[in-house]
Amino acid sequence: MVEKMKNVVVFVRDMKAARVFYREQLGLPPGQETETIMEFFPGRETSLGVALALHDAARKLVGRHTGITLNVKGLEELCASMTEKGVRFPEPLESTPWGKMAVVADPDGNEFALVEA
């Protein structure tokens, strides 16, 4: 019986650029890191892994909408800060009936929804 989700992994081609994006621009809480994988949200029920796409099957998953949604406090400020740093937003910040939302892309084109309710 499955009890809970351990982690979700997003594949990238450029770990150096990914490190800057996820740690410095997006500001995710970092965990363990090796040359080929970074962990974020350590100690939480579910973590996010960012892994170097080392094989063909993983490379096919780079540069798409991930289906991952991140809850953000201060979404307007985060989007403004990231925009100043040259981060790409395929869907800019907008207000919706349930809150604010934007879609951001990492340097490899992996897209995440950012929401603030």
Protein backbone atom coordinates (compact mmCIF):
# COMPACT_ATOMS: atom_id res chain seq x y z
CA MET A 1 0.00 0.00 0.00
CA VAL A 2 1.34 3.43 -0.98
CA GLU A 3 1.45 5.75 2.04
CA LYS A 4 2.70 9.10 0.68
CA MET A 5 4.73 10.78 -2.04
CA LYS A 6 8.45 11.01 -1.27
CA ASN A 7 9.67 13.31 -4.03
CA VAL A 8 9.23 14.68 -7.53
CA VAL A 9 12.21 15.03 -9.89
CA VAL A 10 12.69 17.55 -12.69
CA PHE A 11 15.43 16.88 -15.23
CA VAL A 12 17.82 19.56 -16.52
CA ARG A 13 20.76 19.76 -18.93
CA ASP A 14 22.72 22.52 -17.16
CA MET A 15 23.20 21.98 -13.41
CA LYS A 16 25.15 25.21 -12.94
CA ALA A 17 22.34 27.33 -14.42
CA ALA A 18 19.75 25.24 -12.55
CA ARG A 19 21.55 25.86 -9.24
CA VAL A 20 21.36 29.63 -9.77
CA PHE A 21 17.70 29.47 -10.78
CA TYR A 22 16.35 27.18 -8.05
CA ARG A 23 18.52 28.43 -5.17
CA GLU A 24 19.08 32.13 -5.90
CA GLN A 25 16.29 33.27 -8.20
CA LEU A 26 13.38 31.09 -7.08
CA GLY A 27 14.72 30.84 -3.51
CA LEU A 28 13.80 27.23 -2.75
CA PRO A 29 15.07 25.85 0.58
CA PRO A 30 18.07 23.67 -0.33
CA GLY A 31 18.93 20.22 0.94
CA GLN A 32 21.52 17.68 -0.11
CA GLU A 33 23.40 18.13 -3.36
CA THR A 34 25.78 16.14 -5.54
CA GLU A 35 27.21 16.81 -9.00
CA THR A 36 24.10 15.34 -10.64
CA ILE A 37 21.18 16.08 -8.30
CA MET A 38 19.94 18.79 -5.94
CA GLU A 39 17.23 18.38 -3.31
CA PHE A 40 14.85 21.10 -2.17
CA PHE A 41 12.38 21.22 0.74
CA PRO A 42 14.41 18.84 2.95
CA GLY A 43 12.60 17.41 5.93
CA ARG A 44 9.18 17.98 4.40
CA GLU A 45 6.73 15.25 3.46
CA THR A 46 7.57 15.71 -0.24
CA SER A 47 10.80 17.06 -1.68
CA LEU A 48 11.74 18.36 -5.11
CA GLY A 49 14.73 16.90 -6.89
CA VAL A 50 16.50 18.60 -9.78
CA ALA A 51 18.62 16.05 -11.62
CA LEU A 52 20.99 16.14 -14.54
CA ALA A 53 19.39 14.35 -17.51
CA LEU A 54 22.02 11.66 -18.05
CA HIS A 55 20.12 9.26 -20.33
CA ASP A 56 17.85 9.55 -23.36
CA ALA A 57 14.62 8.90 -21.43
CA ALA A 58 15.42 11.73 -19.00
CA ARG A 59 16.55 14.11 -21.76
CA LYS A 60 13.10 13.73 -23.38
CA LEU A 61 11.55 15.17 -20.20
CA VAL A 62 13.59 18.40 -20.22
CA GLY A 63 11.90 21.65 -21.27
CA ARG A 64 8.21 21.09 -20.67
CA HIS A 65 5.49 22.08 -18.25
CA THR A 66 6.17 19.96 -15.18
CA GLY A 67 2.64 20.05 -13.77
CA ILE A 68 4.15 21.20 -10.46
CA THR A 69 2.52 24.06 -8.57
CA LEU A 70 4.40 25.93 -5.84
CA ASN A 71 2.60 28.00 -3.17
CA VAL A 72 4.28 31.39 -2.72
CA LYS A 73 3.95 34.17 -0.18
CA GLY A 74 4.64 37.55 -1.77
CA LEU A 75 4.16 36.36 -5.35
CA GLU A 76 4.15 39.86 -6.84
CA GLU A 77 7.49 40.68 -5.21
CA LEU A 78 9.02 37.33 -6.23
CA CYS A 79 7.91 37.78 -9.85
CA ALA A 80 9.28 41.34 -9.95
CA SER A 81 12.61 40.21 -8.51
CA MET A 82 12.88 37.29 -10.93
CA THR A 83 11.92 39.48 -13.89
CA GLU A 84 14.72 41.91 -12.97
CA LYS A 85 17.12 38.93 -13.03
CA GLY A 86 16.02 37.95 -16.54
CA VAL A 87 13.87 34.94 -15.61
CA ARG A 88 11.31 34.00 -18.27
CA PHE A 89 7.58 33.85 -17.47
CA PRO A 90 5.63 31.98 -20.21
CA GLU A 91 2.48 33.11 -18.39
CA PRO A 92 2.92 36.40 -16.51
CA LEU A 93 1.41 37.17 -13.14
CA GLU A 94 -2.36 37.46 -13.21
CA SER A 95 -5.22 37.57 -10.75
CA THR A 96 -7.73 34.73 -10.85
CA PRO A 97 -10.93 34.13 -8.87
CA TRP A 98 -8.96 31.94 -6.41
CA GLY A 99 -5.79 34.06 -6.14
CA LYS A 100 -2.71 35.13 -8.08
CA MET A 101 -0.81 32.90 -10.50
CA ALA A 102 2.20 32.97 -12.82
CA VAL A 103 4.08 30.31 -14.78
CA VAL A 104 7.88 30.51 -14.59
CA ALA A 105 10.47 28.63 -16.67
CA ASP A 106 13.89 27.45 -15.51
CA PRO A 107 16.91 27.90 -17.84
CA ASP A 108 16.14 24.54 -19.53
CA GLY A 109 12.49 25.47 -20.17
CA ASN A 110 10.90 23.41 -17.38
CA GLU A 111 7.77 25.29 -16.34
CA PHE A 112 6.22 25.61 -12.87
CA ALA A 113 3.02 27.31 -11.73
CA LEU A 114 3.48 29.78 -8.88
CA VAL A 115 0.35 30.59 -6.89
CA GLU A 116 -0.66 32.75 -3.98
CA ALA A 117 -4.17 32.23 -2.62
